C-alpha atoms as a PDB file:
ATOM      1  CA  MET A   1       0.321   0.476  -0.211  1.00  0.00           C
ATOM      2  CA  HIS A   2       1.374   3.747  -0.717  1.00  0.00           C
ATOM      3  CA  PHE A   3       0.479   6.363   0.811  1.00  0.00           C
ATOM      4  CA  LEU A   4       1.432  10.065  -0.610  1.00  0.00           C
ATOM      5  CA  TYR A   5       1.082  13.023   2.042  1.00  0.00           C
ATOM      6  CA  ASN A   6       0.906  17.232   1.582  1.00  0.00           C
ATOM      7  CA  VAL A   7      -0.356  19.778   2.229  1.00  0.00           C
ATOM      8  CA  SER A   8      -3.136  21.884   0.983  1.00  0.00           C
ATOM      9  CA  GLU A   9      -5.430  24.929   1.017  1.00  0.00           C
ATOM     10  CA  VAL A  10      -8.682  25.985  -0.571  1.00  0.00           C
ATOM     11  CA  MET A  11     -10.831  29.140   1.172  1.00  0.00           C
ATOM     12  CA  GLY A  12      -7.736  29.537   4.025  1.00  0.00           C
ATOM     13  CA  LEU A  13      -8.884  26.310   4.767  1.00  0.00           C
ATOM     14  CA  ASN A  14      -5.609  23.673   5.226  1.00  0.00           C
ATOM     15  CA  TYR A  15      -5.812  20.341   4.697  1.00  0.00           C
ATOM     16  CA  ASN A  16      -3.597  17.595   4.753  1.00  0.00           C
ATOM     17  CA  ILE A  17      -3.686  14.722   1.902  1.00  0.00           C
ATOM     18  CA  ILE A  18      -3.463  11.041   2.258  1.00  0.00           C
ATOM     19  CA  ARG A  19      -3.375   9.136  -0.693  1.00  0.00           C
ATOM     20  CA  SER A  20      -3.572   5.790  -0.602  1.00  0.00           C
ATOM     21  CA  ASN A  21      -4.841   2.158  -2.718  1.00  0.00           C
ATOM     22  CA  ARG A  22      -8.857   3.062  -1.864  1.00  0.00           C
ATOM     23  CA  LYS A  23     -11.938   3.800  -3.945  1.00  0.00           C
ATOM     24  CA  SER A  24     -13.004   6.900  -2.486  1.00  0.00           C
ATOM     25  CA  ILE A  25     -12.280  10.423  -1.112  1.00  0.00           C
ATOM     26  CA  SER A  26     -13.051  11.205   2.518  1.00  0.00           C
ATOM     27  CA  ILE A  27     -12.499  13.862   4.954  1.00  0.00           C
ATOM     28  CA  GLU A  28     -11.797  13.461   8.768  1.00  0.00           C
ATOM     29  CA  ILE A  29     -11.436  16.234  11.485  1.00  0.00           C
ATOM     30  CA  THR A  30      -9.424  15.031  13.642  1.00  0.00           C
ATOM     31  CA  LYS A  31      -9.190  15.795  17.908  1.00  0.00           C
ATOM     32  CA  GLU A  32      -6.522  18.494  17.520  1.00  0.00           C
ATOM     33  CA  ALA A  33      -9.084  20.306  14.709  1.00  0.00           C
ATOM     34  CA  SER A  34      -6.919  19.310  11.542  1.00  0.00           C
ATOM     35  CA  VAL A  35      -8.064  17.894   8.763  1.00  0.00           C
ATOM     36  CA  ILE A  36      -7.585  14.701   6.927  1.00  0.00           C
ATOM     37  CA  VAL A  37      -8.470  14.361   3.436  1.00  0.00           C
ATOM     38  CA  ARG A  38      -7.799  10.408   2.277  1.00  0.00           C
ATOM     39  CA  ALA A  39      -7.713  10.041  -1.514  1.00  0.00           C
ATOM     40  CA  PRO A  40      -6.969   7.719  -4.058  1.00  0.00           C
ATOM     41  CA  LEU A  41      -3.843   7.909  -5.818  1.00  0.00           C
ATOM     42  CA  LEU A  42      -5.409   8.542  -8.666  1.00  0.00           C
ATOM     43  CA  ALA A  43      -7.251  10.700  -7.598  1.00  0.00           C
ATOM     44  CA  THR A  44      -6.231  14.712  -9.033  1.00  0.00           C
ATOM     45  CA  ASP A  45      -5.841  17.969  -6.555  1.00  0.00           C
ATOM     46  CA  LYS A  46      -8.340  19.336  -8.350  1.00  0.00           C
ATOM     47  CA  MET A  47     -11.258  16.937  -7.482  1.00  0.00           C
ATOM     48  CA  ILE A  48     -10.049  16.975  -3.770  1.00  0.00           C
ATOM     49  CA  ALA A  49     -10.427  20.457  -4.148  1.00  0.00           C
ATOM     50  CA  SER A  50     -13.472  20.506  -5.272  1.00  0.00           C
ATOM     51  CA  LEU A  51     -14.764  18.191  -2.700  1.00  0.00           C
ATOM     52  CA  VAL A  52     -13.733  20.285   0.230  1.00  0.00           C
ATOM     53  CA  ALA A  53     -14.798  23.578  -1.839  1.00  0.00           C
ATOM     54  CA  LYS A  54     -18.264  21.444  -1.501  1.00  0.00           C
ATOM     55  CA  LYS A  55     -18.378  20.228   2.247  1.00  0.00           C
ATOM     56  CA  GLN A  56     -16.862  23.507   3.670  1.00  0.00           C
ATOM     57  CA  ALA A  57     -20.185  24.092   5.827  1.00  0.00           C
ATOM     58  CA  TRP A  58     -19.690  20.866   7.252  1.00  0.00           C
ATOM     59  CA  ILE A  59     -15.898  20.971   7.736  1.00  0.00           C
ATOM     60  CA  ASP A  60     -17.016  24.594   9.728  1.00  0.00           C
ATOM     61  CA  GLU A  61     -19.487  23.174  11.156  1.00  0.00           C
ATOM     62  CA  HIS A  62     -17.372  20.060  12.822  1.00  0.00           C
ATOM     63  CA  LEU A  63     -14.244  22.348  13.478  1.00  0.00           C
ATOM     64  CA  GLU A  64     -16.768  24.511  15.762  1.00  0.00           C
ATOM     65  CA  ILE A  65     -17.228  21.863  17.752  1.00  0.00           C
ATOM     66  CA  ILE A  66     -14.140  19.996  18.634  1.00  0.00           C
ATOM     67  CA  ARG A  67     -12.672  24.264  19.617  1.00  0.00           C
END
C-alpha cells in the first residue's frame, strides 16, 4: 500500500491529503482540529479541492464543535 502525503489549502482552510490504494475520498476532523482528506492515488488535486469546497460548511461546523 502506498501513502503520499501533502498539505493543501482551499478558501483559507488548510488540510492534509493522504493518498492510498482506496476507491473513495473521505474527510476526517481530528481531535486536534486538523482536517485530513484521504484520497485514492489517482485522485487529482482539483477533484480533492472541489470536494473540500463542497463540504466547507460541514467542515466548519465540525471544527467549531471541536474548538
